[in-house]
C-alpha atoms as a PDB file:
ATOM      1  CA  MET A   1       2.904  36.066 -16.016  1.00  0.00           C
ATOM      2  CA  PRO A   2       2.360  35.854 -12.238  1.00  0.00           C
ATOM      3  CA  ALA A   3       0.386  32.974 -10.810  1.00  0.00           C
ATOM      4  CA  ALA A   4      -3.232  33.607  -9.924  1.00  0.00           C
ATOM      5  CA  PRO A   5      -3.822  34.183  -6.213  1.00  0.00           C
ATOM      6  CA  ARG A   6      -4.746  31.025  -4.393  1.00  0.00           C
ATOM      7  CA  LYS A   7      -8.372  30.666  -3.385  1.00  0.00           C
ATOM      8  CA  PRO A   8      -8.833  30.415   0.406  1.00  0.00           C
ATOM      9  CA  PRO A   9     -10.044  27.042   1.722  1.00  0.00           C
ATOM     10  CA  ARG A  10     -13.727  26.594   2.386  1.00  0.00           C
ATOM     11  CA  LYS A  11     -15.040  26.744   5.914  1.00  0.00           C
ATOM     12  CA  VAL A  12     -15.744  23.214   7.127  1.00  0.00           C
ATOM     13  CA  SER A  13     -19.115  22.033   8.350  1.00  0.00           C
ATOM     14  CA  PRO A  14     -20.527  18.552   8.887  1.00  0.00           C
ATOM     15  CA  ALA A  15     -22.155  18.689   5.431  1.00  0.00           C
ATOM     16  CA  TYR A  16     -18.928  19.854   3.785  1.00  0.00           C
ATOM     17  CA  LEU A  17     -16.927  17.071   5.472  1.00  0.00           C
ATOM     18  CA  GLU A  18     -19.520  14.501   4.354  1.00  0.00           C
ATOM     19  CA  ARG A  19     -19.274  15.648   0.733  1.00  0.00           C
ATOM     20  CA  ALA A  20     -15.477  15.692   0.913  1.00  0.00           C
ATOM     21  CA  ALA A  21     -15.376  12.187   2.427  1.00  0.00           C
ATOM     22  CA  LEU A  22     -17.715  10.758  -0.199  1.00  0.00           C
ATOM     23  CA  ALA A  23     -15.757  12.406  -3.013  1.00  0.00           C
ATOM     24  CA  TYR A  24     -12.522  10.979  -1.605  1.00  0.00           C
ATOM     25  CA  LEU A  25     -13.962   7.481  -1.191  1.00  0.00           C
ATOM     26  CA  GLU A  26     -15.317   7.609  -4.742  1.00  0.00           C
ATOM     27  CA  ARG A  27     -11.809   8.099  -6.059  1.00  0.00           C
ATOM     28  CA  PHE A  28      -9.677   6.092  -3.635  1.00  0.00           C
ATOM     29  CA  ALA A  29      -9.920   2.960  -1.537  1.00  0.00           C
ATOM     30  CA  ALA A  30      -9.131   4.074   1.989  1.00  0.00           C
ATOM     31  CA  SER A  31      -8.702   2.876   5.527  1.00  0.00           C
ATOM     32  CA  ALA A  32     -10.522   4.719   8.287  1.00  0.00           C
ATOM     33  CA  GLU A  33      -7.256   6.295   9.425  1.00  0.00           C
ATOM     34  CA  SER A  34      -6.283   7.552   5.968  1.00  0.00           C
ATOM     35  CA  LEU A  35      -9.738   9.127   5.521  1.00  0.00           C
ATOM     36  CA  ARG A  36      -9.385  10.693   8.978  1.00  0.00           C
ATOM     37  CA  ARG A  37      -6.031  12.223   7.986  1.00  0.00           C
ATOM     38  CA  VAL A  38      -7.463  13.709   4.770  1.00  0.00           C
ATOM     39  CA  LEU A  39     -10.412  15.254   6.585  1.00  0.00           C
ATOM     40  CA  LEU A  40      -8.271  16.540   9.455  1.00  0.00           C
ATOM     41  CA  ARG A  41      -6.095  18.393   6.929  1.00  0.00           C
ATOM     42  CA  LYS A  42      -9.245  20.107   5.632  1.00  0.00           C
ATOM     43  CA  VAL A  43     -10.211  21.078   9.181  1.00  0.00           C
ATOM     44  CA  GLU A  44      -6.704  22.386   9.842  1.00  0.00           C
ATOM     45  CA  ARG A  45      -6.722  24.554   6.689  1.00  0.00           C
ATOM     46  CA  SER A  46     -10.153  25.867   7.618  1.00  0.00           C
ATOM     47  CA  ALA A  47      -8.973  26.613  11.156  1.00  0.00           C
ATOM     48  CA  ARG A  48      -6.049  28.674   9.847  1.00  0.00           C
ATOM     49  CA  ALA A  49      -8.204  30.602   7.364  1.00  0.00           C
ATOM     50  CA  HIS A  50     -11.529  30.925   9.240  1.00  0.00           C
ATOM     51  CA  ASP A  51     -10.727  30.207  12.911  1.00  0.00           C
ATOM     52  CA  THR A  52     -12.753  27.004  12.768  1.00  0.00           C
ATOM     53  CA  ASP A  53     -12.757  25.063  16.030  1.00  0.00           C
ATOM     54  CA  ARG A  54     -10.350  22.148  15.538  1.00  0.00           C
ATOM     55  CA  GLU A  55     -11.905  20.099  18.349  1.00  0.00           C
ATOM     56  CA  GLU A  56     -15.381  20.452  16.896  1.00  0.00           C
ATOM     57  CA  GLY A  57     -14.100  19.501  13.429  1.00  0.00           C
ATOM     58  CA  ALA A  58     -12.362  16.420  14.843  1.00  0.00           C
ATOM     59  CA  ALA A  59     -15.595  15.397  16.588  1.00  0.00           C
ATOM     60  CA  TRP A  60     -17.526  15.734  13.309  1.00  0.00           C
ATOM     61  CA  ILE A  61     -14.924  13.552  11.581  1.00  0.00           C
ATOM     62  CA  GLU A  62     -15.076  10.855  14.267  1.00  0.00           C
ATOM     63  CA  ALA A  63     -18.876  10.734  14.046  1.00  0.00           C
ATOM     64  CA  LEU A  64     -18.704  10.521  10.251  1.00  0.00           C
ATOM     65  CA  ILE A  65     -16.125   7.720  10.297  1.00  0.00           C
ATOM     66  CA  GLU A  66     -18.103   5.758  12.882  1.00  0.00           C
ATOM     67  CA  ARG A  67     -21.249   6.093  10.776  1.00  0.00           C
ATOM     68  CA  TYR A  68     -19.378   4.947   7.645  1.00  0.00           C
ATOM     69  CA  ARG A  69     -17.974   1.945   9.538  1.00  0.00           C
ATOM     70  CA  ARG A  70     -21.437   0.900  10.730  1.00  0.00           C
ATOM     71  CA  SER A  71     -22.856   1.221   7.212  1.00  0.00           C
ATOM     72  CA  GLY A  72     -19.961  -0.751   5.682  1.00  0.00           C
ATOM     73  CA  LEU A  73     -18.690   2.141   3.576  1.00  0.00           C
ATOM     74  CA  LEU A  74     -15.400   1.993   5.479  1.00  0.00           C
ATOM     75  CA  ASP A  75     -14.019  -1.464   6.225  1.00  0.00           C
ATOM     76  CA  ASP A  76     -10.348  -1.730   7.155  1.00  0.00           C
ATOM     77  CA  LYS A  77     -10.379  -5.520   6.788  1.00  0.00           C
ATOM     78  CA  ALA A  78     -11.741  -5.418   3.225  1.00  0.00           C
ATOM     79  CA  TYR A  79      -9.342  -2.578   2.386  1.00  0.00           C
ATOM     80  CA  ALA A  80      -6.355  -4.537   3.739  1.00  0.00           C
ATOM     81  CA  GLU A  81      -7.316  -7.708   1.856  1.00  0.00           C
ATOM     82  CA  ALA A  82      -7.804  -5.874  -1.445  1.00  0.00           C
ATOM     83  CA  ARG A  83      -4.587  -3.886  -1.036  1.00  0.00           C
ATOM     84  CA  THR A  84      -2.661  -7.046  -0.121  1.00  0.00           C
ATOM     85  CA  ALA A  85      -3.876  -8.829  -3.259  1.00  0.00           C
ATOM     86  CA  SER A  86      -3.008  -5.843  -5.417  1.00  0.00           C
ATOM     87  CA  LEU A  87       0.475  -5.429  -3.966  1.00  0.00           C
ATOM     88  CA  ARG A  88       1.164  -9.170  -4.260  1.00  0.00           C
ATOM     89  CA  ARG A  89       0.323  -9.021  -7.969  1.00  0.00           C
ATOM     90  CA  GLN A  90       2.917  -6.240  -8.274  1.00  0.00           C
ATOM     91  CA  GLY A  91       5.567  -8.479  -6.699  1.00  0.00           C
ATOM     92  CA  ARG A  92       5.693  -6.986  -3.207  1.00  0.00           C
ATOM     93  CA  SER A  93       7.004  -8.964  -0.233  1.00  0.00           C
ATOM     94  CA  VAL A  94       5.027  -9.666   2.937  1.00  0.00           C
ATOM     95  CA  ARG A  95       7.249  -7.221   4.793  1.00  0.00           C
ATOM     96  CA  ALA A  96       6.707  -4.438   2.236  1.00  0.00           C
ATOM     97  CA  ILE A  97       2.936  -4.988   2.207  1.00  0.00           C
ATOM     98  CA  SER A  98       2.827  -4.934   5.996  1.00  0.00           C
ATOM     99  CA  GLU A  99       4.705  -1.616   6.093  1.00  0.00           C
ATOM    100  CA  LYS A 100       2.454  -0.048   3.445  1.00  0.00           C
ATOM    101  CA  LEU A 101      -0.686  -1.032   5.322  1.00  0.00           C
ATOM    102  CA  LYS A 102       0.785   0.215   8.593  1.00  0.00           C
ATOM    103  CA  MET A 103       1.498   3.589   6.947  1.00  0.00           C
ATOM    104  CA  LYS A 104      -2.165   3.755   5.886  1.00  0.00           C
ATOM    105  CA  GLY A 105      -3.221   3.349   9.522  1.00  0.00           C
ATOM    106  CA  VAL A 106      -4.430  -0.249   9.386  1.00  0.00           C
ATOM    107  CA  GLY A 107      -4.125  -2.072  12.723  1.00  0.00           C
ATOM    108  CA  ARG A 108      -1.618  -4.891  13.318  1.00  0.00           C
ATOM    109  CA  GLU A 109      -4.314  -7.579  13.819  1.00  0.00           C
ATOM    110  CA  VAL A 110      -6.067  -6.622  10.577  1.00  0.00           C
ATOM    111  CA  ILE A 111      -2.741  -6.643   8.708  1.00  0.00           C
ATOM    112  CA  ASP A 112      -1.845 -10.087  10.068  1.00  0.00           C
ATOM    113  CA  GLU A 113      -5.252 -11.436   9.093  1.00  0.00           C
ATOM    114  CA  ALA A 114      -5.002 -10.021   5.560  1.00  0.00           C
ATOM    115  CA  LEU A 115      -1.472 -11.364   5.075  1.00  0.00           C
ATOM    116  CA  ALA A 116      -2.132 -14.841   6.498  1.00  0.00           C
ATOM    117  CA  PRO A 117      -3.054 -16.495   3.157  1.00  0.00           C
ATOM    118  CA  THR A 118       0.026 -15.018   1.442  1.00  0.00           C
ATOM    119  CA  ARG A 119       2.650 -16.071   3.994  1.00  0.00           C
ATOM    120  CA  THR A 120       3.486 -19.349   2.239  1.00  0.00           C
ATOM    121  CA  PRO A 121       6.966 -19.878   0.759  1.00  0.00           C
ATOM    122  CA  ALA A 122       5.440 -20.414  -2.695  1.00  0.00           C
ATOM    123  CA  GLU A 123       3.568 -17.074  -2.515  1.00  0.00           C
ATOM    124  CA  GLU A 124       6.685 -15.197  -1.410  1.00  0.00           C
ATOM    125  CA  LEU A 125       8.765 -16.881  -4.106  1.00  0.00           C
ATOM    126  CA  GLY A 126       6.123 -16.053  -6.728  1.00  0.00           C
ATOM    127  CA  ALA A 127       6.113 -12.401  -5.679  1.00  0.00           C
ATOM    128  CA  ALA A 128       9.924 -12.258  -5.870  1.00  0.00           C
ATOM    129  CA  ILE A 129       9.802 -13.747  -9.371  1.00  0.00           C
ATOM    130  CA  THR A 130       7.165 -11.217 -10.396  1.00  0.00           C
ATOM    131  CA  LEU A 131       9.380  -8.376  -9.186  1.00  0.00           C
ATOM    132  CA  ALA A 132      12.425  -9.849 -10.953  1.00  0.00           C
ATOM    133  CA  ARG A 133      10.428 -10.104 -14.183  1.00  0.00           C
ATOM    134  CA  ARG A 134       9.164  -6.519 -13.858  1.00  0.00           C
ATOM    135  CA  ARG A 135      12.639  -5.157 -13.112  1.00  0.00           C
ATOM    136  CA  ARG A 136      14.313  -7.453 -15.694  1.00  0.00           C
ATOM    137  CA  ILE A 137      16.846  -8.808 -13.238  1.00  0.00           C
ATOM    138  CA  GLY A 138      18.263 -12.264 -12.553  1.00  0.00           C
ATOM    139  CA  PRO A 139      17.140 -14.796 -15.166  1.00  0.00           C
ATOM    140  CA  PHE A 140      15.211 -12.054 -16.981  1.00  0.00           C
ATOM    141  CA  ARG A 141      18.411 -10.104 -17.693  1.00  0.00           C
ATOM    142  CA  PRO A 142      20.469 -10.920 -20.821  1.00  0.00           C
ATOM    143  CA  SER A 143      22.813 -13.788 -19.909  1.00  0.00           C
ATOM    144  CA  ALA A 144      25.931 -11.823 -20.880  1.00  0.00           C
ATOM    145  CA  GLN A 145      25.174  -9.255 -18.156  1.00  0.00           C
ATOM    146  CA  ARG A 146      23.983 -11.572 -15.385  1.00  0.00           C
ATOM    147  CA  SER A 147      27.234 -12.265 -13.554  1.00  0.00           C
ATOM    148  CA  GLU A 148      28.349  -8.622 -13.405  1.00  0.00           C
ATOM    149  CA  HIS A 149      24.948  -7.544 -11.998  1.00  0.00           C
ATOM    150  CA  ARG A 150      24.351 -10.438  -9.596  1.00  0.00           C
ATOM    151  CA  GLU A 151      25.079  -8.477  -6.396  1.00  0.00           C
ATOM    152  CA  ARG A 152      23.007  -5.519  -7.565  1.00  0.00           C
ATOM    153  CA  ASP A 153      20.084  -7.826  -8.424  1.00  0.00           C
ATOM    154  CA  LEU A 154      20.250  -9.462  -4.987  1.00  0.00           C
ATOM    155  CA  ALA A 155      20.204  -6.000  -3.415  1.00  0.00           C
ATOM    156  CA  VAL A 156      17.062  -5.067  -5.389  1.00  0.00           C
ATOM    157  CA  LEU A 157      15.174  -8.034  -3.943  1.00  0.00           C
ATOM    158  CA  GLY A 158      16.634  -7.434  -0.480  1.00  0.00           C
ATOM    159  CA  ARG A 159      15.508  -3.812  -0.440  1.00  0.00           C
ATOM    160  CA  ALA A 160      12.074  -4.978  -1.564  1.00  0.00           C
ATOM    161  CA  GLY A 161      11.857  -6.996   1.672  1.00  0.00           C
ATOM    162  CA  PHE A 162      12.458 -10.521   0.432  1.00  0.00           C
ATOM    163  CA  PRO A 163      14.511 -12.924   2.580  1.00  0.00           C
ATOM    164  CA  PHE A 164      18.045 -13.589   1.334  1.00  0.00           C
ATOM    165  CA  ASP A 165      17.428 -17.274   0.574  1.00  0.00           C
ATOM    166  CA  ILE A 166      14.476 -16.459  -1.701  1.00  0.00           C
ATOM    167  CA  ALA A 167      16.367 -13.613  -3.395  1.00  0.00           C
ATOM    168  CA  ARG A 168      19.344 -15.921  -3.988  1.00  0.00           C
ATOM    169  CA  LYS A 169      17.151 -18.666  -5.490  1.00  0.00           C
ATOM    170  CA  VAL A 170      15.517 -16.231  -7.889  1.00  0.00           C
ATOM    171  CA  ILE A 171      18.697 -14.429  -8.970  1.00  0.00           C
ATOM    172  CA  LEU A 172      20.758 -17.601  -9.382  1.00  0.00           C
ATOM    173  CA  ALA A 173      18.077 -19.468 -11.372  1.00  0.00           C
ATOM    174  CA  GLU A 174      19.244 -20.266 -14.884  1.00  0.00           C
ATOM    175  CA  SER A 175      15.952 -19.541 -16.658  1.00  0.00           C
ATOM    176  CA  SER A 176      12.287 -18.822 -16.162  1.00  0.00           C
ATOM    177  CA  ASP A 177      11.671 -22.572 -16.509  1.00  0.00           C
ATOM    178  CA  ALA A 178      13.935 -23.160 -13.527  1.00  0.00           C
ATOM    179  CA  LEU A 179      11.866 -20.608 -11.594  1.00  0.00           C
ATOM    180  CA  ASP A 180       8.667 -22.477 -12.501  1.00  0.00           C
ATOM    181  CA  ALA A 181      10.260 -25.641 -11.110  1.00  0.00           C
ATOM    182  CA  LEU A 182      11.149 -23.772  -7.894  1.00  0.00           C
ATOM    183  CA  ILE A 183       7.538 -22.665  -7.440  1.00  0.00           C
ATOM    184  CA  ALA A 184       6.254 -26.198  -8.052  1.00  0.00           C
ATOM    185  CA  GLU A 185       8.775 -27.485  -5.505  1.00  0.00           C
ATOM    186  CA  ALA A 186       7.807 -24.832  -2.908  1.00  0.00           C
ATOM    187  CA  GLY A 187       4.051 -25.247  -3.403  1.00  0.00           C
END
């Protein structure tokens, strides 16, 4: 059975962009830049299908984003802080979090401000332990398999953006109790 023909995109207008932006923000936390990208894609599709003026659409988007910033609906600082906390709970390194926020269009100063409280050695060590626990590597791997997978486990933490000394401490720890002692020592 052939696929149904695809419905053409709607023609954009300020009201349409407003509804689209609100629907997007209802579903996803977003930085101003990521919302801009979503709306610009809608303008681009409309321009290809309906010859919509791209410049005019971009101006509507900029006005909308500025209005949302003034009202507090869009706040890159709050977004960066919330996303940082969430990614830290998942076991992400400072470097990985910084890259993710940069990809979402958050500015360097905002990223640095959001990451400042998490740049302690104890926080970074805790995140590395969380990742090791989630991936079942290092002391969370069965002891019979640990030595043969040591290099691979170090590489997992290295690719995740953790410094070598932290990765080595986590992977070489004998048990989760030893990791707790490392956190107490670092904190």
